[in-house]
Each structure stands twice: as structure tokens, then as C-alpha cells.
Amino acid sequence: VESGGGLVQPGGSLRLSCAASGTLFSIYVLGWYRRAPGKQRELVAT
């Protein structure tokens, strides 16, 4: 479950959070991806 999105002015900052349920969380590779309007989903960070 992601949270922290919103509207921000250029030059501003936001912090996104993603909370996970389930076990063995520590072994997973975690990543952030994004999809802009009219574009394919792309990797942001892992």
C-alpha cells in the first residue's frame, strides 16, 4: 500500500511510503516505478 502522493510545485519535495503485509519482507528486492500519462511504466529506483 503506497501513500504520500499529492500535488507539489516544481522544485518541491515529497516522500512516498509503501507498507507491506506478509512475511519474509527482508529478502525481497523492492522497487519504485512510475507511469506517466501516455507512457509505459518505467523503473525509478530499486
All heavy atoms as atom14 arrays in JSON, in Angstrom:
{
  "sequence": "VESGGGLVQPGGSLRLSCAASGTLFSIYVLGWYRRAPGKQRELVAT",
  "atom14_mask": [
    [1, 1, 1, 1, 1, 1, 1, 0, 0, 0, 0, 0, 0, 0],
    [1, 1, 1, 1, 1, 1, 1, 1, 1, 0, 0, 0, 0, 0],
    [1, 1, 1, 1, 1, 1, 0, 0, 0, 0, 0, 0, 0, 0],
    [1, 1, 1, 1, 0, 0, 0, 0, 0, 0, 0, 0, 0, 0],
    [1, 1, 1, 1, 0, 0, 0, 0, 0, 0, 0, 0, 0, 0],
    [1, 1, 1, 1, 0, 0, 0, 0, 0, 0, 0, 0, 0, 0],
    [1, 1, 1, 1, 1, 1, 1, 1, 0, 0, 0, 0, 0, 0],
    [1, 1, 1, 1, 1, 1, 1, 0, 0, 0, 0, 0, 0, 0],
    [1, 1, 1, 1, 1, 1, 1, 1, 1, 0, 0, 0, 0, 0],
    [1, 1, 1, 1, 1, 1, 1, 0, 0, 0, 0, 0, 0, 0],
    [1, 1, 1, 1, 0, 0, 0, 0, 0, 0, 0, 0, 0, 0],
    [1, 1, 1, 1, 0, 0, 0, 0, 0, 0, 0, 0, 0, 0],
    [1, 1, 1, 1, 1, 1, 0, 0, 0, 0, 0, 0, 0, 0],
    [1, 1, 1, 1, 1, 1, 1, 1, 0, 0, 0, 0, 0, 0],
    [1, 1, 1, 1, 1, 1, 1, 1, 1, 1, 1, 0, 0, 0],
    [1, 1, 1, 1, 1, 1, 1, 1, 0, 0, 0, 0, 0, 0],
    [1, 1, 1, 1, 1, 1, 0, 0, 0, 0, 0, 0, 0, 0],
    [1, 1, 1, 1, 1, 1, 0, 0, 0, 0, 0, 0, 0, 0],
    [1, 1, 1, 1, 1, 0, 0, 0, 0, 0, 0, 0, 0, 0],
    [1, 1, 1, 1, 1, 0, 0, 0, 0, 0, 0, 0, 0, 0],
    [1, 1, 1, 1, 1, 1, 0, 0, 0, 0, 0, 0, 0, 0],
    [1, 1, 1, 1, 0, 0, 0, 0, 0, 0, 0, 0, 0, 0],
    [1, 1, 1, 1, 1, 1, 1, 0, 0, 0, 0, 0, 0, 0],
    [1, 1, 1, 1, 1, 1, 1, 1, 0, 0, 0, 0, 0, 0],
    [1, 1, 1, 1, 1, 1, 1, 1, 1, 1, 1, 0, 0, 0],
    [1, 1, 1, 1, 1, 1, 0, 0, 0, 0, 0, 0, 0, 0],
    [1, 1, 1, 1, 1, 1, 1, 1, 0, 0, 0, 0, 0, 0],
    [1, 1, 1, 1, 1, 1, 1, 1, 1, 1, 1, 1, 0, 0],
    [1, 1, 1, 1, 1, 1, 1, 0, 0, 0, 0, 0, 0, 0],
    [1, 1, 1, 1, 1, 1, 1, 1, 0, 0, 0, 0, 0, 0],
    [1, 1, 1, 1, 0, 0, 0, 0, 0, 0, 0, 0, 0, 0],
    [1, 1, 1, 1, 1, 1, 1, 1, 1, 1, 1, 1, 1, 1],
    [1, 1, 1, 1, 1, 1, 1, 1, 1, 1, 1, 1, 0, 0],
    [1, 1, 1, 1, 1, 1, 1, 1, 1, 1, 1, 0, 0, 0],
    [1, 1, 1, 1, 1, 1, 1, 1, 1, 1, 1, 0, 0, 0],
    [1, 1, 1, 1, 1, 0, 0, 0, 0, 0, 0, 0, 0, 0],
    [1, 1, 1, 1, 1, 1, 1, 0, 0, 0, 0, 0, 0, 0],
    [1, 1, 1, 1, 0, 0, 0, 0, 0, 0, 0, 0, 0, 0],
    [1, 1, 1, 1, 1, 1, 1, 1, 1, 0, 0, 0, 0, 0],
    [1, 1, 1, 1, 1, 1, 1, 1, 1, 0, 0, 0, 0, 0],
    [1, 1, 1, 1, 1, 1, 1, 1, 1, 1, 1, 0, 0, 0],
    [1, 1, 1, 1, 1, 1, 1, 1, 1, 0, 0, 0, 0, 0],
    [1, 1, 1, 1, 1, 1, 1, 1, 0, 0, 0, 0, 0, 0],
    [1, 1, 1, 1, 1, 1, 1, 0, 0, 0, 0, 0, 0, 0],
    [1, 1, 1, 1, 1, 0, 0, 0, 0, 0, 0, 0, 0, 0],
    [1, 1, 1, 1, 1, 1, 1, 0, 0, 0, 0, 0, 0, 0]
  ],
  "atom14_positions": [
    [[0.85, -1.19, 0.0], [0.0, 0.0, 0.0], [0.88, 1.24, 0.0], [1.63, 1.47, 0.96], [-0.94, 0.02, 1.21], [-1.8, 1.29, 1.17], [-1.83, -1.22, 1.23], [0.0, 0.0, 0.0], [0.0, 0.0, 0.0], [0.0, 0.0, 0.0], [0.0, 0.0, 0.0], [0.0, 0.0, 0.0], [0.0, 0.0, 0.0], [0.0, 0.0, 0.0]],
    [[0.78, 2.01, -1.09], [1.56, 3.25, -1.19], [0.8, 4.42, -0.57], [-0.44, 4.42, -0.55], [1.87, 3.59, -2.65], [2.64, 2.56, -3.42], [1.74, 1.66, -4.25], [0.55, 1.54, -3.9], [2.21, 1.09, -5.24], [0.0, 0.0, 0.0], [0.0, 0.0, 0.0], [0.0, 0.0, 0.0], [0.0, 0.0, 0.0], [0.0, 0.0, 0.0]],
    [[1.56, 5.41, -0.14], [0.97, 6.65, 0.36], [1.98, 7.78, 0.19], [3.16, 7.52, -0.08], [0.57, 6.52, 1.84], [1.71, 6.24, 2.63], [0.0, 0.0, 0.0], [0.0, 0.0, 0.0], [0.0, 0.0, 0.0], [0.0, 0.0, 0.0], [0.0, 0.0, 0.0], [0.0, 0.0, 0.0], [0.0, 0.0, 0.0], [0.0, 0.0, 0.0]],
    [[1.49, 9.0, 0.34], [2.39, 10.15, 0.31], [2.36, 10.96, -0.97], [3.03, 11.99, -1.07], [0.0, 0.0, 0.0], [0.0, 0.0, 0.0], [0.0, 0.0, 0.0], [0.0, 0.0, 0.0], [0.0, 0.0, 0.0], [0.0, 0.0, 0.0], [0.0, 0.0, 0.0], [0.0, 0.0, 0.0], [0.0, 0.0, 0.0], [0.0, 0.0, 0.0]],
    [[1.58, 10.52, -1.96], [1.49, 11.27, -3.19], [0.69, 12.56, -3.0], [0.1, 12.79, -1.94], [0.0, 0.0, 0.0], [0.0, 0.0, 0.0], [0.0, 0.0, 0.0], [0.0, 0.0, 0.0], [0.0, 0.0, 0.0], [0.0, 0.0, 0.0], [0.0, 0.0, 0.0], [0.0, 0.0, 0.0], [0.0, 0.0, 0.0], [0.0, 0.0, 0.0]],
    [[0.69, 13.38, -4.04], [-0.07, 14.62, -3.96], [0.38, 15.61, -5.01], [1.1, 15.27, -5.95], [0.0, 0.0, 0.0], [0.0, 0.0, 0.0], [0.0, 0.0, 0.0], [0.0, 0.0, 0.0], [0.0, 0.0, 0.0], [0.0, 0.0, 0.0], [0.0, 0.0, 0.0], [0.0, 0.0, 0.0], [0.0, 0.0, 0.0], [0.0, 0.0, 0.0]],
    [[-0.05, 16.85, -4.81], [0.29, 17.95, -5.71], [1.4, 18.78, -5.08], [1.31, 19.16, -3.9], [-0.94, 18.82, -5.95], [-0.73, 20.12, -6.74], [-0.3, 19.81, -8.16], [-2.01, 20.94, -6.72], [0.0, 0.0, 0.0], [0.0, 0.0, 0.0], [0.0, 0.0, 0.0], [0.0, 0.0, 0.0], [0.0, 0.0, 0.0], [0.0, 0.0, 0.0]],
    [[2.45, 19.04, -5.85], [3.58, 19.82, -5.35], [4.06, 20.74, -6.46], [3.95, 20.4, -7.65], [4.69, 18.88, -4.85], [5.25, 18.03, -5.97], [5.8, 19.65, -4.14], [0.0, 0.0, 0.0], [0.0, 0.0, 0.0], [0.0, 0.0, 0.0], [0.0, 0.0, 0.0], [0.0, 0.0, 0.0], [0.0, 0.0, 0.0], [0.0, 0.0, 0.0]],
    [[4.6, 21.87, -6.07], [5.14, 22.8, -7.05], [6.51, 22.35, -7.54], [7.23, 21.64, -6.82], [5.25, 24.2, -6.44], [3.91, 24.85, -6.14], [4.06, 26.29, -5.69], [5.12, 26.72, -5.26], [2.97, 27.04, -5.78], [0.0, 0.0, 0.0], [0.0, 0.0, 0.0], [0.0, 0.0, 0.0], [0.0, 0.0, 0.0], [0.0, 0.0, 0.0]],
    [[6.88, 22.75, -8.74], [8.24, 22.44, -9.21], [9.29, 22.91, -8.22], [9.18, 24.0, -7.65], [8.32, 23.21, -10.53], [6.91, 23.29, -11.01], [6.09, 23.45, -9.75], [0.0, 0.0, 0.0], [0.0, 0.0, 0.0], [0.0, 0.0, 0.0], [0.0, 0.0, 0.0], [0.0, 0.0, 0.0], [0.0, 0.0, 0.0], [0.0, 0.0, 0.0]],
    [[10.29, 22.05, -8.0], [11.32, 22.34, -7.01], [11.0, 21.83, -5.63], [11.87, 21.85, -4.75], [0.0, 0.0, 0.0], [0.0, 0.0, 0.0], [0.0, 0.0, 0.0], [0.0, 0.0, 0.0], [0.0, 0.0, 0.0], [0.0, 0.0, 0.0], [0.0, 0.0, 0.0], [0.0, 0.0, 0.0], [0.0, 0.0, 0.0], [0.0, 0.0, 0.0]],
    [[9.78, 21.38, -5.43], [9.36, 20.89, -4.13], [9.77, 19.46, -3.87], [10.46, 18.83, -4.69], [0.0, 0.0, 0.0], [0.0, 0.0, 0.0], [0.0, 0.0, 0.0], [0.0, 0.0, 0.0], [0.0, 0.0, 0.0], [0.0, 0.0, 0.0], [0.0, 0.0, 0.0], [0.0, 0.0, 0.0], [0.0, 0.0, 0.0], [0.0, 0.0, 0.0]],
    [[9.33, 18.95, -2.72], [9.69, 17.6, -2.29], [8.46, 16.83, -1.85], [7.47, 17.41, -1.39], [10.68, 17.66, -1.12], [11.88, 18.29, -1.49], [0.0, 0.0, 0.0], [0.0, 0.0, 0.0], [0.0, 0.0, 0.0], [0.0, 0.0, 0.0], [0.0, 0.0, 0.0], [0.0, 0.0, 0.0], [0.0, 0.0, 0.0], [0.0, 0.0, 0.0]],
    [[8.54, 15.54, -1.99], [7.54, 14.61, -1.47], [8.26, 13.36, -1.0], [9.32, 13.01, -1.53], [6.51, 14.2, -2.53], [5.38, 15.15, -2.87], [4.55, 14.58, -4.01], [4.48, 15.41, -1.66], [0.0, 0.0, 0.0], [0.0, 0.0, 0.0], [0.0, 0.0, 0.0], [0.0, 0.0, 0.0], [0.0, 0.0, 0.0], [0.0, 0.0, 0.0]],
    [[7.65, 12.68, -0.03], [8.19, 11.4, 0.42], [7.09, 10.36, 0.28], [6.03, 10.46, 0.92], [8.65, 11.47, 1.86], [9.36, 10.2, 2.34], [9.65, 10.26, 3.81], [10.57, 9.19, 4.24], [10.43, 8.51, 5.36], [9.41, 8.77, 6.16], [11.31, 7.58, 5.69], [0.0, 0.0, 0.0], [0.0, 0.0, 0.0], [0.0, 0.0, 0.0]],
    [[7.34, 9.37, -0.56], [6.4, 8.27, -0.74], [6.76, 7.14, 0.21], [7.94, 6.88, 0.46], [6.43, 7.76, -2.17], [6.16, 8.78, -3.28], [6.14, 8.08, -4.63], [4.87, 9.52, -3.04], [0.0, 0.0, 0.0], [0.0, 0.0, 0.0], [0.0, 0.0, 0.0], [0.0, 0.0, 0.0], [0.0, 0.0, 0.0], [0.0, 0.0, 0.0]],
    [[5.73, 6.48, 0.71], [5.91, 5.32, 1.57], [5.15, 4.15, 0.98], [4.13, 4.32, 0.33], [5.39, 5.61, 2.99], [6.06, 6.68, 3.59], [0.0, 0.0, 0.0], [0.0, 0.0, 0.0], [0.0, 0.0, 0.0], [0.0, 0.0, 0.0], [0.0, 0.0, 0.0], [0.0, 0.0, 0.0], [0.0, 0.0, 0.0], [0.0, 0.0, 0.0]],
    [[5.67, 2.97, 1.24], [5.0, 1.75, 0.8], [5.09, 0.76, 1.95], [6.2, 0.36, 2.33], [5.64, 1.2, -0.45], [4.94, -0.37, -1.02], [0.0, 0.0, 0.0], [0.0, 0.0, 0.0], [0.0, 0.0, 0.0], [0.0, 0.0, 0.0], [0.0, 0.0, 0.0], [0.0, 0.0, 0.0], [0.0, 0.0, 0.0], [0.0, 0.0, 0.0]],
    [[3.94, 0.4, 2.49], [3.88, -0.54, 3.61], [3.46, -1.9, 3.09], [2.52, -2.01, 2.29], [2.9, -0.04, 4.66], [0.0, 0.0, 0.0], [0.0, 0.0, 0.0], [0.0, 0.0, 0.0], [0.0, 0.0, 0.0], [0.0, 0.0, 0.0], [0.0, 0.0, 0.0], [0.0, 0.0, 0.0], [0.0, 0.0, 0.0], [0.0, 0.0, 0.0]],
    [[4.13, -2.93, 3.57], [3.88, -4.29, 3.1], [3.34, -5.16, 4.22], [3.79, -5.05, 5.37], [5.15, -4.9, 2.54], [0.0, 0.0, 0.0], [0.0, 0.0, 0.0], [0.0, 0.0, 0.0], [0.0, 0.0, 0.0], [0.0, 0.0, 0.0], [0.0, 0.0, 0.0], [0.0, 0.0, 0.0], [0.0, 0.0, 0.0], [0.0, 0.0, 0.0]],
    [[2.42, -6.02, 3.86], [1.99, -7.06, 4.77], [2.63, -8.37, 4.32], [3.14, -8.46, 3.21], [0.46, -7.21, 4.75], [0.05, -7.62, 3.46], [0.0, 0.0, 0.0], [0.0, 0.0, 0.0], [0.0, 0.0, 0.0], [0.0, 0.0, 0.0], [0.0, 0.0, 0.0], [0.0, 0.0, 0.0], [0.0, 0.0, 0.0], [0.0, 0.0, 0.0]],
    [[2.6, -9.37, 5.16], [3.19, -10.64, 4.78], [4.54, -10.85, 5.44], [5.05, -9.99, 6.15], [0.0, 0.0, 0.0], [0.0, 0.0, 0.0], [0.0, 0.0, 0.0], [0.0, 0.0, 0.0], [0.0, 0.0, 0.0], [0.0, 0.0, 0.0], [0.0, 0.0, 0.0], [0.0, 0.0, 0.0], [0.0, 0.0, 0.0], [0.0, 0.0, 0.0]],
    [[5.1, -12.01, 5.17], [6.34, -12.39, 5.83], [7.51, -12.32, 4.86], [7.34, -12.12, 3.66], [6.23, -13.81, 6.38], [5.95, -14.71, 5.28], [5.11, -13.92, 7.39], [0.0, 0.0, 0.0], [0.0, 0.0, 0.0], [0.0, 0.0, 0.0], [0.0, 0.0, 0.0], [0.0, 0.0, 0.0], [0.0, 0.0, 0.0], [0.0, 0.0, 0.0]],
    [[8.7, -12.48, 5.4], [9.94, -12.54, 4.61], [10.19, -11.27, 3.83], [10.83, -11.29, 2.78], [9.93, -13.75, 3.65], [9.78, -15.12, 4.31], [9.71, -16.21, 3.25], [10.94, -15.38, 5.26], [0.0, 0.0, 0.0], [0.0, 0.0, 0.0], [0.0, 0.0, 0.0], [0.0, 0.0, 0.0], [0.0, 0.0, 0.0], [0.0, 0.0, 0.0]],
    [[9.69, -10.15, 4.34], [9.86, -8.87, 3.64], [11.33, -8.58, 3.37], [11.68, -8.05, 2.32], [9.26, -7.75, 4.49], [9.41, -6.39, 3.9], [8.55, -5.94, 2.92], [10.42, -5.53, 4.33], [8.68, -4.67, 2.38], [10.56, -4.26, 3.8], [9.68, -3.83, 2.82], [0.0, 0.0, 0.0], [0.0, 0.0, 0.0], [0.0, 0.0, 0.0]],
    [[12.2, -8.92, 4.3], [13.6, -8.53, 4.2], [14.32, -9.14, 3.01], [15.36, -8.64, 2.58], [14.34, -8.88, 5.5], [14.34, -10.28, 5.69], [0.0, 0.0, 0.0], [0.0, 0.0, 0.0], [0.0, 0.0, 0.0], [0.0, 0.0, 0.0], [0.0, 0.0, 0.0], [0.0, 0.0, 0.0], [0.0, 0.0, 0.0], [0.0, 0.0, 0.0]],
    [[13.79, -10.23, 2.45], [14.51, -10.88, 1.35], [14.13, -10.33, -0.02], [14.75, -10.66, -1.01], [14.29, -12.4, 1.36], [12.86, -12.76, 0.9], [14.6, -12.99, 2.72], [12.67, -14.24, 0.69], [0.0, 0.0, 0.0], [0.0, 0.0, 0.0], [0.0, 0.0, 0.0], [0.0, 0.0, 0.0], [0.0, 0.0, 0.0], [0.0, 0.0, 0.0]],
    [[13.11, -9.49, -0.05], [12.62, -9.0, -1.33], [13.47, -7.86, -1.87], [13.95, -7.0, -1.1], [11.18, -8.52, -1.21], [10.17, -9.64, -1.12], [9.84, -10.2, 0.11], [9.54, -10.12, -2.25], [8.93, -11.22, 0.2], [8.61, -11.14, -2.17], [8.31, -11.69, -0.94], [7.39, -12.69, -0.86], [0.0, 0.0, 0.0], [0.0, 0.0, 0.0]],
    [[13.62, -7.83, -3.18], [14.11, -6.63, -3.84], [12.91, -5.7, -3.98], [11.84, -6.1, -4.46], [14.68, -6.93, -5.24], [15.08, -5.64, -5.94], [15.88, -7.87, -5.12], [0.0, 0.0, 0.0], [0.0, 0.0, 0.0], [0.0, 0.0, 0.0], [0.0, 0.0, 0.0], [0.0, 0.0, 0.0], [0.0, 0.0, 0.0], [0.0, 0.0, 0.0]],
    [[13.07, -4.48, -3.53], [11.98, -3.51, -3.54], [12.25, -2.44, -4.59], [13.41, -2.05, -4.81], [11.84, -2.86, -2.17], [11.67, -3.84, -1.01], [11.72, -3.11, 0.32], [10.37, -4.62, -1.14], [0.0, 0.0, 0.0], [0.0, 0.0, 0.0], [0.0, 0.0, 0.0], [0.0, 0.0, 0.0], [0.0, 0.0, 0.0], [0.0, 0.0, 0.0]],
    [[11.19, -2.0, -5.22], [11.39, -1.01, -6.26], [10.26, -0.01, -6.34], [9.15, -0.27, -5.88], [0.0, 0.0, 0.0], [0.0, 0.0, 0.0], [0.0, 0.0, 0.0], [0.0, 0.0, 0.0], [0.0, 0.0, 0.0], [0.0, 0.0, 0.0], [0.0, 0.0, 0.0], [0.0, 0.0, 0.0], [0.0, 0.0, 0.0], [0.0, 0.0, 0.0]],
    [[10.57, 1.13, -6.89], [9.59, 2.15, -7.23], [9.59, 2.3, -8.75], [10.66, 2.4, -9.38], [9.93, 3.48, -6.58], [9.67, 3.51, -5.11], [10.58, 3.29, -4.11], [8.42, 3.74, -4.46], [9.96, 3.38, -2.88], [8.64, 3.67, -3.08], [7.13, 4.04, -4.91], [7.62, 3.87, -2.13], [6.12, 4.23, -3.98], [6.36, 4.14, -2.62]],
    [[8.39, 2.32, -9.31], [8.19, 2.5, -10.73], [7.17, 3.62, -10.91], [6.46, 3.98, -9.96], [7.67, 1.22, -11.38], [8.67, 0.08, -11.36], [8.97, -0.58, -10.17], [9.32, -0.32, -12.52], [9.9, -1.61, -10.15], [10.24, -1.36, -12.5], [10.53, -2.0, -11.31], [11.44, -3.01, -11.3], [0.0, 0.0, 0.0], [0.0, 0.0, 0.0]],
    [[7.08, 4.14, -12.11], [6.08, 5.17, -12.36], [5.56, 5.04, -13.79], [6.24, 4.56, -14.67], [6.65, 6.57, -12.13], [7.75, 6.98, -13.1], [8.35, 8.31, -12.68], [9.37, 8.76, -13.61], [10.15, 9.82, -13.39], [10.03, 10.54, -12.27], [11.06, 10.17, -14.3], [0.0, 0.0, 0.0], [0.0, 0.0, 0.0], [0.0, 0.0, 0.0]],
    [[4.33, 5.51, -13.95], [3.71, 5.56, -15.28], [3.14, 6.95, -15.47], [2.19, 7.34, -14.76], [2.62, 4.51, -15.44], [1.93, 4.59, -16.8], [0.87, 3.54, -16.95], [1.48, 2.24, -17.23], [1.02, 1.1, -16.74], [0.01, 1.1, -15.92], [1.61, -0.04, -17.06], [0.0, 0.0, 0.0], [0.0, 0.0, 0.0], [0.0, 0.0, 0.0]],
    [[3.72, 7.66, -16.42], [3.23, 8.99, -16.77], [2.12, 8.85, -17.8], [2.05, 7.84, -18.51], [4.37, 9.83, -17.33], [0.0, 0.0, 0.0], [0.0, 0.0, 0.0], [0.0, 0.0, 0.0], [0.0, 0.0, 0.0], [0.0, 0.0, 0.0], [0.0, 0.0, 0.0], [0.0, 0.0, 0.0], [0.0, 0.0, 0.0], [0.0, 0.0, 0.0]],
    [[1.26, 9.83, -17.91], [0.16, 9.76, -18.89], [0.69, 9.51, -20.29], [1.59, 10.2, -20.76], [-0.49, 11.14, -18.78], [-0.17, 11.61, -17.4], [1.19, 11.07, -17.09], [0.0, 0.0, 0.0], [0.0, 0.0, 0.0], [0.0, 0.0, 0.0], [0.0, 0.0, 0.0], [0.0, 0.0, 0.0], [0.0, 0.0, 0.0], [0.0, 0.0, 0.0]],
    [[0.13, 8.5, -20.95], [0.51, 8.19, -22.31], [1.84, 7.49, -22.48], [2.3, 7.29, -23.6], [0.0, 0.0, 0.0], [0.0, 0.0, 0.0], [0.0, 0.0, 0.0], [0.0, 0.0, 0.0], [0.0, 0.0, 0.0], [0.0, 0.0, 0.0], [0.0, 0.0, 0.0], [0.0, 0.0, 0.0], [0.0, 0.0, 0.0], [0.0, 0.0, 0.0]],
    [[2.46, 7.1, -21.36], [3.77, 6.44, -21.43], [3.72, 5.08, -20.74], [2.81, 4.77, -19.98], [4.83, 7.32, -20.79], [5.06, 8.63, -21.5], [6.24, 9.37, -20.9], [6.53, 10.67, -21.65], [7.7, 11.4, -21.06], [0.0, 0.0, 0.0], [0.0, 0.0, 0.0], [0.0, 0.0, 0.0], [0.0, 0.0, 0.0], [0.0, 0.0, 0.0]],
    [[4.75, 4.29, -21.03], [4.85, 3.0, -20.38], [5.41, 3.16, -18.96], [6.09, 4.14, -18.65], [5.77, 2.08, -21.19], [5.19, 1.66, -22.53], [6.05, 0.62, -23.22], [7.26, 0.58, -23.03], [5.42, -0.22, -24.02], [0.0, 0.0, 0.0], [0.0, 0.0, 0.0], [0.0, 0.0, 0.0], [0.0, 0.0, 0.0], [0.0, 0.0, 0.0]],
    [[5.14, 2.17, -18.14], [5.7, 2.18, -16.79], [7.21, 2.06, -16.87], [7.73, 1.28, -17.66], [5.11, 1.04, -15.99], [5.51, 1.04, -14.53], [4.61, 0.13, -13.72], [4.56, -1.22, -14.21], [3.69, -2.14, -13.81], [2.79, -1.81, -12.88], [3.71, -3.35, -14.3], [0.0, 0.0, 0.0], [0.0, 0.0, 0.0], [0.0, 0.0, 0.0]],
    [[7.9, 2.82, -16.04], [9.35, 2.81, -16.06], [9.91, 2.68, -14.65], [9.28, 3.07, -13.67], [9.9, 4.1, -16.69], [9.57, 5.36, -15.93], [10.22, 6.6, -16.52], [10.97, 6.5, -17.53], [10.01, 7.7, -15.97], [0.0, 0.0, 0.0], [0.0, 0.0, 0.0], [0.0, 0.0, 0.0], [0.0, 0.0, 0.0], [0.0, 0.0, 0.0]],
    [[11.11, 2.13, -14.59], [11.8, 1.98, -13.33], [12.24, 3.34, -12.81], [12.75, 4.18, -13.57], [13.02, 1.09, -13.51], [14.0, 1.01, -12.35], [13.39, 0.21, -11.22], [15.32, 0.4, -12.8], [0.0, 0.0, 0.0], [0.0, 0.0, 0.0], [0.0, 0.0, 0.0], [0.0, 0.0, 0.0], [0.0, 0.0, 0.0], [0.0, 0.0, 0.0]],
    [[12.07, 3.56, -11.51], [12.56, 4.77, -10.87], [13.77, 4.44, -10.01], [14.84, 5.05, -10.14], [11.48, 5.44, -10.02], [12.03, 6.65, -9.27], [10.28, 5.84, -10.89], [0.0, 0.0, 0.0], [0.0, 0.0, 0.0], [0.0, 0.0, 0.0], [0.0, 0.0, 0.0], [0.0, 0.0, 0.0], [0.0, 0.0, 0.0], [0.0, 0.0, 0.0]],
    [[13.61, 3.46, -9.12], [14.69, 3.1, -8.2], [14.43, 1.72, -7.63], [13.27, 1.3, -7.5], [14.8, 4.11, -7.06], [0.0, 0.0, 0.0], [0.0, 0.0, 0.0], [0.0, 0.0, 0.0], [0.0, 0.0, 0.0], [0.0, 0.0, 0.0], [0.0, 0.0, 0.0], [0.0, 0.0, 0.0], [0.0, 0.0, 0.0], [0.0, 0.0, 0.0]],
    [[15.51, 1.01, -7.31], [15.39, -0.27, -6.64], [16.36, -0.32, -5.46], [17.37, 0.39, -5.44], [15.69, -1.45, -7.57], [17.02, -1.32, -8.08], [14.71, -1.52, -8.72], [0.0, 0.0, 0.0], [0.0, 0.0, 0.0], [0.0, 0.0, 0.0], [0.0, 0.0, 0.0], [0.0, 0.0, 0.0], [0.0, 0.0, 0.0], [0.0, 0.0, 0.0]]
  ]
}
